[in-house]
């Protein structure tokens, strides 16, 4: 949530994606009631604990997988656009 007048609305979506990419889980809920009112939100982010060597190996394999995927995908052919007179 923001107090700004304008925003993209992507903040939590980005946080969730990054959390999941690191093998974690994001949970959102209403904050506990105070004086019978719900004010605010509760956010819980669970991330796995991994050794530094294991994290570097995982990151390297993700980069290699992304590179392989981009090389194996055929380029999309563009359709010729013609304009009538």
PDB file of N, CA and C in Angstrom:
ATOM      1  N   UNK A   1       0.844  -1.173   0.000  1.00  0.00           N
ATOM      2  CA  UNK A   1       0.000   0.000   0.000  1.00  0.00           C
ATOM      3  C   UNK A   1       0.887   1.232   0.000  1.00  0.00           C
ATOM      4  N   UNK A   2       0.404   2.248  -0.640  1.00  0.00           N
ATOM      5  CA  UNK A   2       1.157   3.490  -0.691  1.00  0.00           C
ATOM      6  C   UNK A   2       0.263   4.657  -0.314  1.00  0.00           C
ATOM      7  N   UNK A   3       0.874   5.704   0.098  1.00  0.00           N
ATOM      8  CA  UNK A   3       0.123   6.932   0.354  1.00  0.00           C
ATOM      9  C   UNK A   3       0.299   7.903  -0.808  1.00  0.00           C
ATOM     10  N   UNK A   4       0.987   7.455  -1.836  1.00  0.00           N
ATOM     11  CA  UNK A   4       1.203   8.291  -3.019  1.00  0.00           C
ATOM     12  C   UNK A   4      -0.092   8.441  -3.806  1.00  0.00           C
ATOM     13  N   UNK A   5      -0.166   9.533  -4.548  1.00  0.00           N
ATOM     14  CA  UNK A   5      -1.331   9.770  -5.400  1.00  0.00           C
ATOM     15  C   UNK A   5      -1.325   8.810  -6.578  1.00  0.00           C
ATOM     16  N   UNK A   6      -0.136   8.582  -7.157  1.00  0.00           N
ATOM     17  CA  UNK A   6      -0.015   7.692  -8.312  1.00  0.00           C
ATOM     18  C   UNK A   6       0.895   6.528  -7.966  1.00  0.00           C
ATOM     19  N   UNK A   7       0.664   5.421  -8.622  1.00  0.00           N
ATOM     20  CA  UNK A   7       1.519   4.254  -8.457  1.00  0.00           C
ATOM     21  C   UNK A   7       1.224   3.265  -9.560  1.00  0.00           C
ATOM     22  N   UNK A   8       2.122   2.317  -9.765  1.00  0.00           N
ATOM     23  CA  UNK A   8       1.927   1.326 -10.821  1.00  0.00           C
ATOM     24  C   UNK A   8       1.112   0.133 -10.344  1.00  0.00           C
ATOM     25  N   UNK A   9       1.081  -0.088  -9.030  1.00  0.00           N
ATOM     26  CA  UNK A   9       0.369  -1.247  -8.513  1.00  0.00           C
ATOM     27  C   UNK A   9       1.138  -2.537  -8.663  1.00  0.00           C
ATOM     28  N   UNK A  10       2.432  -2.459  -8.958  1.00  0.00           N
ATOM     29  CA  UNK A  10       3.224  -3.657  -9.199  1.00  0.00           C
ATOM     30  C   UNK A  10       4.114  -4.049  -8.031  1.00  0.00           C
ATOM     31  N   UNK A  11       4.192  -3.245  -7.003  1.00  0.00           N
ATOM     32  CA  UNK A  11       5.128  -3.478  -5.910  1.00  0.00           C
ATOM     33  C   UNK A  11       5.081  -4.877  -5.327  1.00  0.00           C
ATOM     34  N   UNK A  12       3.924  -5.301  -4.851  1.00  0.00           N
ATOM     35  CA  UNK A  12       3.828  -6.625  -4.232  1.00  0.00           C
ATOM     36  C   UNK A  12       3.968  -7.748  -5.239  1.00  0.00           C
ATOM     37  N   UNK A  13       3.535  -7.531  -6.462  1.00  0.00           N
ATOM     38  CA  UNK A  13       3.700  -8.557  -7.499  1.00  0.00           C
ATOM     39  C   UNK A  13       5.185  -8.801  -7.773  1.00  0.00           C
ATOM     40  N   UNK A  14       5.957  -7.728  -7.790  1.00  0.00           N
ATOM     41  CA  UNK A  14       7.406  -7.856  -8.001  1.00  0.00           C
ATOM     42  C   UNK A  14       8.047  -8.555  -6.811  1.00  0.00           C
ATOM     43  N   UNK A  15       7.653  -8.165  -5.604  1.00  0.00           N
ATOM     44  CA  UNK A  15       8.190  -8.790  -4.398  1.00  0.00           C
ATOM     45  C   UNK A  15       7.865 -10.281  -4.389  1.00  0.00           C
ATOM     46  N   UNK A  16       6.633 -10.634  -4.766  1.00  0.00           N
ATOM     47  CA  UNK A  16       6.247 -12.046  -4.782  1.00  0.00           C
ATOM     48  C   UNK A  16       7.079 -12.822  -5.795  1.00  0.00           C
ATOM     49  N   UNK A  17       7.269 -12.265  -6.976  1.00  0.00           N
ATOM     50  CA  UNK A  17       8.032 -12.975  -8.009  1.00  0.00           C
ATOM     51  C   UNK A  17       9.479 -13.199  -7.566  1.00  0.00           C
ATOM     52  N   UNK A  18      10.109 -12.173  -7.010  1.00  0.00           N
ATOM     53  CA  UNK A  18      11.486 -12.314  -6.548  1.00  0.00           C
ATOM     54  C   UNK A  18      11.564 -13.338  -5.428  1.00  0.00           C
ATOM     55  N   UNK A  19      10.613 -13.286  -4.509  1.00  0.00           N
ATOM     56  CA  UNK A  19      10.576 -14.236  -3.393  1.00  0.00           C
ATOM     57  C   UNK A  19      10.470 -15.665  -3.917  1.00  0.00           C
ATOM     58  N   UNK A  20       9.571 -15.899  -4.866  1.00  0.00           N
ATOM     59  CA  UNK A  20       9.386 -17.242  -5.426  1.00  0.00           C
ATOM     60  C   UNK A  20      10.610 -17.690  -6.219  1.00  0.00           C
ATOM     61  N   UNK A  21      11.280 -16.761  -6.907  1.00  0.00           N
ATOM     62  CA  UNK A  21      12.496 -17.116  -7.654  1.00  0.00           C
ATOM     63  C   UNK A  21      13.600 -17.594  -6.722  1.00  0.00           C
ATOM     64  N   UNK A  22      13.540 -17.159  -5.481  1.00  0.00           N
ATOM     65  CA  UNK A  22      14.530 -17.585  -4.497  1.00  0.00           C
ATOM     66  C   UNK A  22      14.020 -18.750  -3.648  1.00  0.00           C
ATOM     67  N   UNK A  23      12.945 -19.398  -4.100  1.00  0.00           N
ATOM     68  CA  UNK A  23      12.428 -20.568  -3.411  1.00  0.00           C
ATOM     69  C   UNK A  23      11.623 -20.229  -2.169  1.00  0.00           C
ATOM     70  N   UNK A  24      11.166 -18.996  -2.073  1.00  0.00           N
ATOM     71  CA  UNK A  24      10.435 -18.566  -0.891  1.00  0.00           C
ATOM     72  C   UNK A  24       8.942 -18.486  -1.115  1.00  0.00           C
ATOM     73  N   UNK A  25       8.267 -17.984  -0.104  1.00  0.00           N
ATOM     74  CA  UNK A  25       6.820 -17.872  -0.136  1.00  0.00           C
ATOM     75  C   UNK A  25       6.424 -16.552   0.512  1.00  0.00           C
ATOM     76  N   UNK A  26       5.468 -15.843  -0.086  1.00  0.00           N
ATOM     77  CA  UNK A  26       4.988 -14.574   0.430  1.00  0.00           C
ATOM     78  C   UNK A  26       3.542 -14.745   0.851  1.00  0.00           C
ATOM     79  N   UNK A  27       3.227 -14.311   2.070  1.00  0.00           N
ATOM     80  CA  UNK A  27       1.854 -14.399   2.570  1.00  0.00           C
ATOM     81  C   UNK A  27       1.402 -13.014   3.010  1.00  0.00           C
ATOM     82  N   UNK A  28       0.214 -12.621   2.577  1.00  0.00           N
ATOM     83  CA  UNK A  28      -0.364 -11.332   2.935  1.00  0.00           C
ATOM     84  C   UNK A  28      -1.680 -11.554   3.663  1.00  0.00           C
ATOM     85  N   UNK A  29      -1.927 -10.734   4.654  1.00  0.00           N
ATOM     86  CA  UNK A  29      -3.176 -10.834   5.409  1.00  0.00           C
ATOM     87  C   UNK A  29      -3.470  -9.479   6.046  1.00  0.00           C
ATOM     88  N   UNK A  30      -4.688  -9.330   6.535  1.00  0.00           N
ATOM     89  CA  UNK A  30      -5.006  -8.134   7.308  1.00  0.00           C
ATOM     90  C   UNK A  30      -4.185  -8.142   8.578  1.00  0.00           C
ATOM     91  N   UNK A  31      -3.821  -6.971   9.033  1.00  0.00           N
ATOM     92  CA  UNK A  31      -3.103  -6.868  10.301  1.00  0.00           C
ATOM     93  C   UNK A  31      -4.039  -7.294  11.428  1.00  0.00           C
ATOM     94  N   UNK A  32      -3.482  -7.731  12.538  1.00  0.00           N
ATOM     95  CA  UNK A  32      -4.348  -8.074  13.681  1.00  0.00           C
ATOM     96  C   UNK A  32      -5.177  -6.866  14.106  1.00  0.00           C
ATOM     97  N   UNK A  33      -6.366  -7.125  14.604  1.00  0.00           N
ATOM     98  CA  UNK A  33      -7.256  -6.041  15.027  1.00  0.00           C
ATOM     99  C   UNK A  33      -6.699  -5.312  16.235  1.00  0.00           C
ATOM    100  N   UNK A  34      -6.911  -4.000  16.226  1.00  0.00           N
ATOM    101  CA  UNK A  34      -6.576  -3.157  17.369  1.00  0.00           C
ATOM    102  C   UNK A  34      -7.821  -2.368  17.712  1.00  0.00           C
ATOM    103  N   UNK A  35      -8.247  -2.467  18.933  1.00  0.00           N
ATOM    104  CA  UNK A  35      -9.477  -1.782  19.371  1.00  0.00           C
ATOM    105  C   UNK A  35     -10.652  -2.142  18.470  1.00  0.00           C
ATOM    106  N   UNK A  36     -10.702  -3.385  18.026  1.00  0.00           N
ATOM    107  CA  UNK A  36     -11.808  -3.855  17.201  1.00  0.00           C
ATOM    108  C   UNK A  36     -11.721  -3.460  15.741  1.00  0.00           C
ATOM    109  N   UNK A  37     -10.651  -2.785  15.318  1.00  0.00           N
ATOM    110  CA  UNK A  37     -10.505  -2.348  13.932  1.00  0.00           C
ATOM    111  C   UNK A  37      -9.301  -3.034  13.280  1.00  0.00           C
ATOM    112  N   UNK A  38      -9.447  -3.305  11.990  1.00  0.00           N
ATOM    113  CA  UNK A  38      -8.318  -3.801  11.213  1.00  0.00           C
ATOM    114  C   UNK A  38      -7.677  -2.593  10.550  1.00  0.00           C
ATOM    115  N   UNK A  39      -6.435  -2.333  10.875  1.00  0.00           N
ATOM    116  CA  UNK A  39      -5.715  -1.210  10.277  1.00  0.00           C
ATOM    117  C   UNK A  39      -4.380  -1.704   9.753  1.00  0.00           C
ATOM    118  N   UNK A  40      -4.229  -1.693   8.440  1.00  0.00           N
ATOM    119  CA  UNK A  40      -2.959  -2.094   7.846  1.00  0.00           C
ATOM    120  C   UNK A  40      -2.960  -3.523   7.365  1.00  0.00           C
ATOM    121  N   UNK A  41      -1.767  -4.008   7.126  1.00  0.00           N
ATOM    122  CA  UNK A  41      -1.588  -5.349   6.575  1.00  0.00           C
ATOM    123  C   UNK A  41      -0.455  -6.056   7.286  1.00  0.00           C
ATOM    124  N   UNK A  42      -0.483  -7.367   7.172  1.00  0.00           N
ATOM    125  CA  UNK A  42       0.574  -8.209   7.715  1.00  0.00           C
ATOM    126  C   UNK A  42       1.230  -8.917   6.535  1.00  0.00           C
ATOM    127  N   UNK A  43       2.548  -8.847   6.467  1.00  0.00           N
ATOM    128  CA  UNK A  43       3.286  -9.477   5.375  1.00  0.00           C
ATOM    129  C   UNK A  43       4.279 -10.459   5.974  1.00  0.00           C
ATOM    130  N   UNK A  44       4.271 -11.667   5.445  1.00  0.00           N
ATOM    131  CA  UNK A  44       5.231 -12.674   5.896  1.00  0.00           C
ATOM    132  C   UNK A  44       5.970 -13.190   4.675  1.00  0.00           C
ATOM    133  N   UNK A  45       7.288 -13.144   4.743  1.00  0.00           N
ATOM    134  CA  UNK A  45       8.127 -13.640   3.658  1.00  0.00           C
ATOM    135  C   UNK A  45       9.014 -14.740   4.229  1.00  0.00           C
ATOM    136  N   UNK A  46       8.846 -15.947   3.723  1.00  0.00           N
ATOM    137  CA  UNK A  46       9.670 -17.085   4.137  1.00  0.00           C
ATOM    138  C   UNK A  46      10.651 -17.380   3.017  1.00  0.00           C
ATOM    139  N   UNK A  47      11.942 -17.376   3.366  1.00  0.00           N
ATOM    140  CA  UNK A  47      13.000 -17.693   2.406  1.00  0.00           C
ATOM    141  C   UNK A  47      13.834 -18.841   2.944  1.00  0.00           C
ATOM    142  N   UNK A  48      14.241 -19.751   2.068  1.00  0.00           N
ATOM    143  CA  UNK A  48      15.073 -20.863   2.524  1.00  0.00           C
ATOM    144  C   UNK A  48      16.488 -20.390   2.855  1.00  0.00           C
ATOM    145  N   UNK A  49      17.109 -21.054   3.780  1.00  0.00           N
ATOM    146  CA  UNK A  49      18.500 -20.774   4.109  1.00  0.00           C
ATOM    147  C   UNK A  49      19.350 -21.756   3.324  1.00  0.00           C
ATOM    148  N   UNK A  50      20.265 -21.231   2.506  1.00  0.00           N
ATOM    149  CA  UNK A  50      21.156 -22.083   1.722  1.00  0.00           C
ATOM    150  C   UNK A  50      22.582 -21.594   1.907  1.00  0.00           C
ATOM    151  N   UNK A  51      23.507 -22.485   1.697  1.00  0.00           N
ATOM    152  CA  UNK A  51      24.918 -22.126   1.773  1.00  0.00           C
ATOM    153  C   UNK A  51      25.266 -21.223   0.594  1.00  0.00           C
ATOM    154  N   UNK A  52      26.262 -20.390   0.734  1.00  0.00           N
ATOM    155  CA  UNK A  52      26.666 -19.464  -0.321  1.00  0.00           C
ATOM    156  C   UNK A  52      27.032 -20.223  -1.592  1.00  0.00           C
ATOM    157  N   UNK A  53      27.785 -21.308  -1.475  1.00  0.00           N
ATOM    158  CA  UNK A  53      28.181 -22.089  -2.650  1.00  0.00           C
ATOM    159  C   UNK A  53      26.959 -22.622  -3.384  1.00  0.00           C
ATOM    160  N   UNK A  54      25.969 -23.107  -2.635  1.00  0.00           N
ATOM    161  CA  UNK A  54      24.762 -23.654  -3.238  1.00  0.00           C
ATOM    162  C   UNK A  54      23.977 -22.558  -3.948  1.00  0.00           C
ATOM    163  N   UNK A  55      23.888 -21.376  -3.364  1.00  0.00           N
ATOM    164  CA  UNK A  55      23.169 -20.263  -3.978  1.00  0.00           C
ATOM    165  C   UNK A  55      23.843 -19.837  -5.274  1.00  0.00           C
ATOM    166  N   UNK A  56      25.168 -19.787  -5.292  1.00  0.00           N
ATOM    167  CA  UNK A  56      25.891 -19.408  -6.505  1.00  0.00           C
ATOM    168  C   UNK A  56      25.697 -20.442  -7.596  1.00  0.00           C
ATOM    169  N   UNK A  57      25.695 -21.724  -7.242  1.00  0.00           N
ATOM    170  CA  UNK A  57      25.477 -22.794  -8.210  1.00  0.00           C
ATOM    171  C   UNK A  57      24.077 -22.701  -8.794  1.00  0.00           C
ATOM    172  N   UNK A  58      23.071 -22.459  -7.936  1.00  0.00           N
ATOM    173  CA  UNK A  58      21.694 -22.322  -8.406  1.00  0.00           C
ATOM    174  C   UNK A  58      21.550 -21.138  -9.355  1.00  0.00           C
ATOM    175  N   UNK A  59      22.161 -20.009  -9.010  1.00  0.00           N
ATOM    176  CA  UNK A  59      22.077 -18.817  -9.847  1.00  0.00           C
ATOM    177  C   UNK A  59      22.734 -19.068 -11.201  1.00  0.00           C
ATOM    178  N   UNK A  60      23.871 -19.728 -11.202  1.00  0.00           N
ATOM    179  CA  UNK A  60      24.570 -20.020 -12.456  1.00  0.00           C
ATOM    180  C   UNK A  60      23.743 -20.955 -13.332  1.00  0.00           C
ATOM    181  N   UNK A  61      23.087 -21.953 -12.747  1.00  0.00           N
ATOM    182  CA  UNK A  61      22.284 -22.885 -13.544  1.00  0.00           C
ATOM    183  C   UNK A  61      21.039 -22.200 -14.092  1.00  0.00           C
ATOM    184  N   UNK A  62      20.460 -21.238 -13.338  1.00  0.00           N
ATOM    185  CA  UNK A  62      19.303 -20.495 -13.838  1.00  0.00           C
ATOM    186  C   UNK A  62      19.699 -19.639 -15.033  1.00  0.00           C
ATOM    187  N   UNK A  63      20.849 -19.007 -14.972  1.00  0.00           N
ATOM    188  CA  UNK A  63      21.317 -18.175 -16.074  1.00  0.00           C
ATOM    189  C   UNK A  63      21.568 -19.044 -17.301  1.00  0.00           C
ATOM    190  N   UNK A  64      22.195 -20.204 -17.113  1.00  0.00           N
ATOM    191  CA  UNK A  64      22.463 -21.113 -18.228  1.00  0.00           C
ATOM    192  C   UNK A  64      21.163 -21.607 -18.845  1.00  0.00           C
ATOM    193  N   UNK A  65      20.171 -21.922 -18.014  1.00  0.00           N
ATOM    194  CA  UNK A  65      18.874 -22.384 -18.526  1.00  0.00           C
ATOM    195  C   UNK A  65      18.192 -21.299 -19.335  1.00  0.00           C
ATOM    196  N   UNK A  66      18.261 -20.059 -18.864  1.00  0.00           N
ATOM    197  CA  UNK A  66      17.653 -18.945 -19.586  1.00  0.00           C
ATOM    198  C   UNK A  66      18.342 -18.732 -20.930  1.00  0.00           C
ATOM    199  N   UNK A  67      19.675 -18.851 -20.948  1.00  0.00           N
ATOM    200  CA  UNK A  67      20.414 -18.704 -22.200  1.00  0.00           C
ATOM    201  C   UNK A  67      20.048 -19.799 -23.184  1.00  0.00           C
ATOM    202  N   UNK A  68      19.949 -21.042 -22.700  1.00  0.00           N
ATOM    203  CA  UNK A  68      19.582 -22.164 -23.560  1.00  0.00           C
ATOM    204  C   UNK A  68      18.181 -21.985 -24.124  1.00  0.00           C
ATOM    205  N   UNK A  69      17.253 -21.521 -23.303  1.00  0.00           N
ATOM    206  CA  UNK A  69      15.875 -21.331 -23.742  1.00  0.00           C
ATOM    207  C   UNK A  69      15.789 -20.261 -24.821  1.00  0.00           C
ATOM    208  N   UNK A  70      16.538 -19.189 -24.651  1.00  0.00           N
ATOM    209  CA  UNK A  70      16.478 -18.113 -25.650  1.00  0.00           C
ATOM    210  C   UNK A  70      17.101 -18.551 -26.971  1.00  0.00           C
ATOM    211  N   UNK A  71      18.082 -19.447 -26.931  1.00  0.00           N
ATOM    212  CA  UNK A  71      18.713 -19.918 -28.159  1.00  0.00           C
ATOM    213  C   UNK A  71      17.841 -20.924 -28.891  1.00  0.00           C
ATOM    214  N   UNK A  72      17.051 -21.703 -28.155  1.00  0.00           N
ATOM    215  CA  UNK A  72      16.275 -22.764 -28.776  1.00  0.00           C
ATOM    216  C   UNK A  72      14.926 -22.286 -29.293  1.00  0.00           C
ATOM    217  N   UNK A  73      14.473 -21.106 -28.870  1.00  0.00           N
ATOM    218  CA  UNK A  73      13.182 -20.616 -29.330  1.00  0.00           C
ATOM    219  C   UNK A  73      13.338 -20.001 -30.707  1.00  0.00           C
ATOM    220  N   UNK A  74      12.520 -20.449 -31.658  1.00  0.00           N
ATOM    221  CA  UNK A  74      12.620 -19.867 -32.997  1.00  0.00           C
ATOM    222  C   UNK A  74      12.138 -18.422 -32.978  1.00  0.00           C
ATOM    223  N   UNK A  75      12.767 -17.603 -33.794  1.00  0.00           N
ATOM    224  CA  UNK A  75      12.349 -16.206 -33.880  1.00  0.00           C
ATOM    225  C   UNK A  75      10.982 -16.150 -34.534  1.00  0.00           C
ATOM    226  N   UNK A  76      10.146 -15.250 -34.031  1.00  0.00           N
ATOM    227  CA  UNK A  76       8.821 -15.102 -34.618  1.00  0.00           C
ATOM    228  C   UNK A  76       8.944 -14.385 -35.954  1.00  0.00           C
ATOM    229  N   UNK A  77       8.187 -14.880 -36.920  1.00  0.00           N
ATOM    230  CA  UNK A  77       8.208 -14.236 -38.203  1.00  0.00           C
ATOM    231  C   UNK A  77       7.218 -13.084 -38.204  1.00  0.00           C
ATOM    232  N   UNK A  78       7.640 -11.971 -38.762  1.00  0.00           N
ATOM    233  CA  UNK A  78       6.759 -10.826 -38.833  1.00  0.00           C
ATOM    234  C   UNK A  78       5.924 -10.939 -40.088  1.00  0.00           C
ATOM    235  N   UNK A  79       4.646 -10.597 -39.959  1.00  0.00           N
ATOM    236  CA  UNK A  79       3.780 -10.603 -41.101  1.00  0.00           C
ATOM    237  C   UNK A  79       3.976  -9.314 -41.873  1.00  0.00           C
ATOM    238  N   UNK A  80       3.931  -9.428 -43.197  1.00  0.00           N
ATOM    239  CA  UNK A  80       4.073  -8.236 -44.022  1.00  0.00           C
ATOM    240  C   UNK A  80       2.804  -7.405 -43.908  1.00  0.00           C
ATOM    241  N   UNK A  81       2.987  -6.134 -43.686  1.00  0.00           N
ATOM    242  CA  UNK A  81       1.852  -5.237 -43.568  1.00  0.00           C
ATOM    243  C   UNK A  81       1.712  -4.492 -44.875  1.00  0.00           C
ATOM    244  N   UNK A  82       0.527  -4.580 -45.445  1.00  0.00           N
ATOM    245  CA  UNK A  82       0.274  -3.844 -46.694  1.00  0.00           C
ATOM    246  C   UNK A  82      -0.875  -2.884 -46.445  1.00  0.00           C
ATOM    247  N   UNK A  83      -0.795  -1.755 -47.050  1.00  0.00           N
ATOM    248  CA  UNK A  83      -1.838  -0.742 -46.889  1.00  0.00           C
ATOM    249  C   UNK A  83      -2.534  -0.535 -48.219  1.00  0.00           C
ATOM    250  N   UNK A  84      -3.860  -0.541 -48.198  1.00  0.00           N
ATOM    251  CA  UNK A  84      -4.613  -0.294 -49.423  1.00  0.00           C
ATOM    252  C   UNK A  84      -4.643   1.184 -49.752  1.00  0.00           C
ATOM    253  N   UNK A  85      -4.850   1.471 -51.028  1.00  0.00           N
ATOM    254  CA  UNK A  85      -4.899   2.873 -51.441  1.00  0.00           C
ATOM    255  C   UNK A  85      -6.308   3.304 -51.596  1.00  0.00           C
TER     256      UNK A  85
END
